[in-house]
Amino acid sequence: MLVLSRRIGESVVIGDDVTVTILEVRGDVVRVGIDAPRSVSVHRAELLEQLESSNREAASPSEDAVANLSKALRGKAD
């Protein structure tokens, strides 16, 4: 991991087309601006983790849900 110190208004360039600029520092909160082409996905890490967790839960139904679905399908086959 590269660790840099930047002041308000200073930037870091990533690759040829992504620029990260420090916009504001207020206590322990730093506002960051990211200029990137639309083809580059930019997401907050905590939202990606939450989405992955939600997807895992949705892809793994509870045993009760599986049992109820199995029961319903057996009932329709009769």
N, C-alpha and C. Protein backbone atom coordinates (compact mmCIF):
# COMPACT_ATOMS: atom_id res chain seq x y z
N MET A 1 0.84 -1.17 0.00
CA MET A 1 0.00 0.00 0.00
C MET A 1 0.88 1.24 0.00
N LEU A 2 0.56 2.15 -0.88
CA LEU A 2 1.26 3.43 -0.94
C LEU A 2 0.56 4.39 0.00
N VAL A 3 1.30 5.03 0.89
CA VAL A 3 0.73 6.00 1.82
C VAL A 3 1.30 7.37 1.50
N LEU A 4 0.42 8.34 1.27
CA LEU A 4 0.83 9.69 0.91
C LEU A 4 0.21 10.70 1.85
N SER A 5 0.87 11.82 2.02
CA SER A 5 0.28 12.95 2.72
C SER A 5 -0.09 13.99 1.68
N ARG A 6 -1.31 14.50 1.76
CA ARG A 6 -1.79 15.50 0.81
C ARG A 6 -2.48 16.60 1.60
N ARG A 7 -2.46 17.80 1.07
CA ARG A 7 -3.16 18.93 1.66
C ARG A 7 -4.39 19.24 0.80
N ILE A 8 -5.28 20.07 1.32
CA ILE A 8 -6.47 20.46 0.58
C ILE A 8 -6.05 21.03 -0.77
N GLY A 9 -6.72 20.57 -1.81
CA GLY A 9 -6.44 21.02 -3.17
C GLY A 9 -5.38 20.20 -3.88
N GLU A 10 -4.64 19.39 -3.15
CA GLU A 10 -3.63 18.55 -3.79
C GLU A 10 -4.27 17.25 -4.28
N SER A 11 -3.65 16.67 -5.29
CA SER A 11 -4.23 15.49 -5.94
C SER A 11 -3.23 14.35 -6.05
N VAL A 12 -3.77 13.19 -6.35
CA VAL A 12 -2.99 12.00 -6.67
C VAL A 12 -3.57 11.47 -7.98
N VAL A 13 -2.71 11.15 -8.94
CA VAL A 13 -3.16 10.61 -10.21
C VAL A 13 -2.89 9.11 -10.22
N ILE A 14 -3.92 8.34 -10.58
CA ILE A 14 -3.81 6.88 -10.65
C ILE A 14 -3.96 6.49 -12.11
N GLY A 15 -2.95 5.82 -12.63
CA GLY A 15 -2.98 5.47 -14.04
C GLY A 15 -2.94 6.74 -14.88
N ASP A 16 -3.60 6.69 -16.03
CA ASP A 16 -3.60 7.84 -16.94
C ASP A 16 -4.84 8.71 -16.78
N ASP A 17 -5.90 8.18 -16.14
CA ASP A 17 -7.16 8.91 -16.21
C ASP A 17 -7.97 8.98 -14.92
N VAL A 18 -7.38 8.67 -13.78
CA VAL A 18 -8.09 8.79 -12.50
C VAL A 18 -7.34 9.77 -11.62
N THR A 19 -8.05 10.80 -11.16
CA THR A 19 -7.45 11.80 -10.29
C THR A 19 -8.23 11.86 -8.99
N VAL A 20 -7.54 11.75 -7.87
CA VAL A 20 -8.14 11.85 -6.54
C VAL A 20 -7.65 13.15 -5.92
N THR A 21 -8.59 14.02 -5.54
CA THR A 21 -8.25 15.33 -5.00
C THR A 21 -8.81 15.48 -3.59
N ILE A 22 -8.00 16.00 -2.68
CA ILE A 22 -8.46 16.29 -1.32
C ILE A 22 -9.24 17.60 -1.37
N LEU A 23 -10.52 17.55 -0.99
CA LEU A 23 -11.37 18.73 -1.07
C LEU A 23 -11.47 19.47 0.26
N GLU A 24 -11.52 18.72 1.35
CA GLU A 24 -11.74 19.34 2.65
C GLU A 24 -11.29 18.39 3.75
N VAL A 25 -10.76 18.96 4.82
CA VAL A 25 -10.41 18.17 6.01
C VAL A 25 -11.07 18.86 7.19
N ARG A 26 -11.91 18.11 7.90
CA ARG A 26 -12.63 18.65 9.05
C ARG A 26 -12.52 17.64 10.19
N GLY A 27 -11.62 17.89 11.12
CA GLY A 27 -11.40 16.93 12.20
C GLY A 27 -10.85 15.64 11.64
N ASP A 28 -11.57 14.54 11.89
CA ASP A 28 -11.11 13.24 11.39
C ASP A 28 -11.83 12.83 10.10
N VAL A 29 -12.53 13.79 9.46
CA VAL A 29 -13.24 13.50 8.22
C VAL A 29 -12.54 14.21 7.06
N VAL A 30 -12.29 13.46 6.00
CA VAL A 30 -11.64 14.00 4.81
C VAL A 30 -12.60 13.83 3.64
N ARG A 31 -12.90 14.92 2.94
CA ARG A 31 -13.72 14.85 1.73
C ARG A 31 -12.77 14.69 0.55
N VAL A 32 -13.07 13.71 -0.27
CA VAL A 32 -12.21 13.36 -1.40
C VAL A 32 -13.04 13.43 -2.67
N GLY A 33 -12.50 14.05 -3.71
CA GLY A 33 -13.13 14.07 -5.02
C GLY A 33 -12.40 13.11 -5.94
N ILE A 34 -13.15 12.34 -6.72
CA ILE A 34 -12.54 11.37 -7.62
C ILE A 34 -13.03 11.67 -9.03
N ASP A 35 -12.09 11.95 -9.91
CA ASP A 35 -12.40 12.22 -11.32
C ASP A 35 -11.92 11.02 -12.12
N ALA A 36 -12.89 10.28 -12.66
CA ALA A 36 -12.56 9.06 -13.42
C ALA A 36 -13.53 8.92 -14.57
N PRO A 37 -13.12 8.27 -15.65
CA PRO A 37 -14.05 8.05 -16.76
C PRO A 37 -15.18 7.11 -16.33
N ARG A 38 -16.29 7.19 -17.03
CA ARG A 38 -17.46 6.36 -16.68
C ARG A 38 -17.15 4.86 -16.75
N SER A 39 -16.17 4.49 -17.50
CA SER A 39 -15.83 3.07 -17.63
C SER A 39 -15.13 2.52 -16.39
N VAL A 40 -14.72 3.40 -15.48
CA VAL A 40 -14.05 2.98 -14.24
C VAL A 40 -15.06 3.01 -13.11
N SER A 41 -15.28 1.88 -12.46
CA SER A 41 -16.20 1.81 -11.33
C SER A 41 -15.53 2.39 -10.09
N VAL A 42 -16.26 3.26 -9.39
CA VAL A 42 -15.77 3.83 -8.14
C VAL A 42 -16.87 3.60 -7.10
N HIS A 43 -16.55 2.85 -6.04
CA HIS A 43 -17.53 2.52 -5.01
C HIS A 43 -16.90 2.68 -3.64
N ARG A 44 -17.74 2.96 -2.65
CA ARG A 44 -17.28 2.97 -1.27
C ARG A 44 -17.14 1.52 -0.80
N ALA A 45 -16.04 1.20 -0.16
CA ALA A 45 -15.74 -0.19 0.23
C ALA A 45 -16.82 -0.77 1.13
N GLU A 46 -17.32 0.02 2.09
CA GLU A 46 -18.32 -0.52 3.02
C GLU A 46 -19.62 -0.87 2.31
N LEU A 47 -19.97 -0.15 1.23
CA LEU A 47 -21.17 -0.49 0.49
C LEU A 47 -20.98 -1.77 -0.32
N LEU A 48 -19.79 -1.96 -0.86
CA LEU A 48 -19.50 -3.21 -1.59
C LEU A 48 -19.57 -4.41 -0.64
N GLU A 49 -19.03 -4.26 0.57
CA GLU A 49 -19.07 -5.35 1.55
C GLU A 49 -20.52 -5.68 1.92
N GLN A 50 -21.34 -4.64 2.11
CA GLN A 50 -22.75 -4.84 2.45
C GLN A 50 -23.48 -5.53 1.30
N LEU A 51 -23.22 -5.12 0.07
CA LEU A 51 -23.85 -5.73 -1.09
C LEU A 51 -23.44 -7.20 -1.23
N GLU A 52 -22.16 -7.49 -1.04
CA GLU A 52 -21.70 -8.88 -1.12
C GLU A 52 -22.38 -9.74 -0.05
N SER A 53 -22.49 -9.21 1.15
CA SER A 53 -23.14 -9.95 2.24
C SER A 53 -24.60 -10.20 1.91
N SER A 54 -25.27 -9.18 1.42
CA SER A 54 -26.68 -9.31 1.04
C SER A 54 -26.86 -10.33 -0.07
N ASN A 55 -25.97 -10.31 -1.05
CA ASN A 55 -26.04 -11.29 -2.15
C ASN A 55 -25.82 -12.71 -1.65
N ARG A 56 -24.87 -12.88 -0.72
CA ARG A 56 -24.63 -14.21 -0.16
C ARG A 56 -25.87 -14.73 0.57
N GLU A 57 -26.51 -13.85 1.35
CA GLU A 57 -27.71 -14.25 2.08
C GLU A 57 -28.83 -14.61 1.11
N ALA A 58 -29.00 -13.84 0.05
CA ALA A 58 -30.05 -14.11 -0.93
C ALA A 58 -29.78 -15.40 -1.69
N ALA A 59 -28.53 -15.73 -1.91
CA ALA A 59 -28.18 -16.94 -2.66
C ALA A 59 -28.23 -18.18 -1.79
N SER A 60 -28.35 -18.01 -0.47
CA SER A 60 -28.38 -19.15 0.45
C SER A 60 -29.67 -19.10 1.26
N PRO A 61 -30.75 -19.64 0.70
CA PRO A 61 -32.03 -19.58 1.42
C PRO A 61 -31.98 -20.42 2.69
N SER A 62 -32.85 -20.08 3.62
CA SER A 62 -32.91 -20.82 4.88
C SER A 62 -33.44 -22.22 4.64
N GLU A 63 -33.20 -23.11 5.60
CA GLU A 63 -33.69 -24.49 5.48
C GLU A 63 -35.21 -24.51 5.44
N ASP A 64 -35.85 -23.61 6.20
CA ASP A 64 -37.31 -23.53 6.19
C ASP A 64 -37.83 -23.16 4.81
N ALA A 65 -37.18 -22.20 4.16
CA ALA A 65 -37.60 -21.78 2.83
C ALA A 65 -37.48 -22.92 1.83
N VAL A 66 -36.40 -23.67 1.91
CA VAL A 66 -36.18 -24.81 1.01
C VAL A 66 -37.24 -25.88 1.27
N ALA A 67 -37.51 -26.16 2.55
CA ALA A 67 -38.51 -27.17 2.90
C ALA A 67 -39.90 -26.76 2.42
N ASN A 68 -40.25 -25.49 2.61
CA ASN A 68 -41.57 -25.01 2.17
C ASN A 68 -41.70 -25.07 0.65
N LEU A 69 -40.65 -24.70 -0.06
CA LEU A 69 -40.67 -24.77 -1.51
C LEU A 69 -40.79 -26.21 -1.99
N SER A 70 -40.04 -27.10 -1.36
CA SER A 70 -40.09 -28.51 -1.71
C SER A 70 -41.48 -29.07 -1.49
N LYS A 71 -42.08 -28.70 -0.36
CA LYS A 71 -43.44 -29.16 -0.04
C LYS A 71 -44.44 -28.62 -1.06
N ALA A 72 -44.28 -27.35 -1.43
CA ALA A 72 -45.20 -26.75 -2.40
C ALA A 72 -45.06 -27.41 -3.76
N LEU A 73 -43.85 -27.72 -4.15
CA LEU A 73 -43.64 -28.36 -5.45
C LEU A 73 -44.18 -29.78 -5.47
N ARG A 74 -44.04 -30.50 -4.36
CA ARG A 74 -44.61 -31.85 -4.28
C ARG A 74 -46.13 -31.80 -4.36
N GLY A 75 -46.71 -30.79 -3.77
CA GLY A 75 -48.17 -30.64 -3.79
C GLY A 75 -48.69 -30.37 -5.19
N LYS A 76 -47.94 -29.62 -5.99
CA LYS A 76 -48.37 -29.31 -7.36
C LYS A 76 -48.17 -30.51 -8.27
N ALA A 77 -47.25 -31.41 -7.93
CA ALA A 77 -46.99 -32.57 -8.79
C ALA A 77 -48.10 -33.60 -8.66
N ASP A 78 -48.86 -33.56 -7.57
CA ASP A 78 -49.92 -34.55 -7.34
C ASP A 78 -51.13 -34.31 -8.21
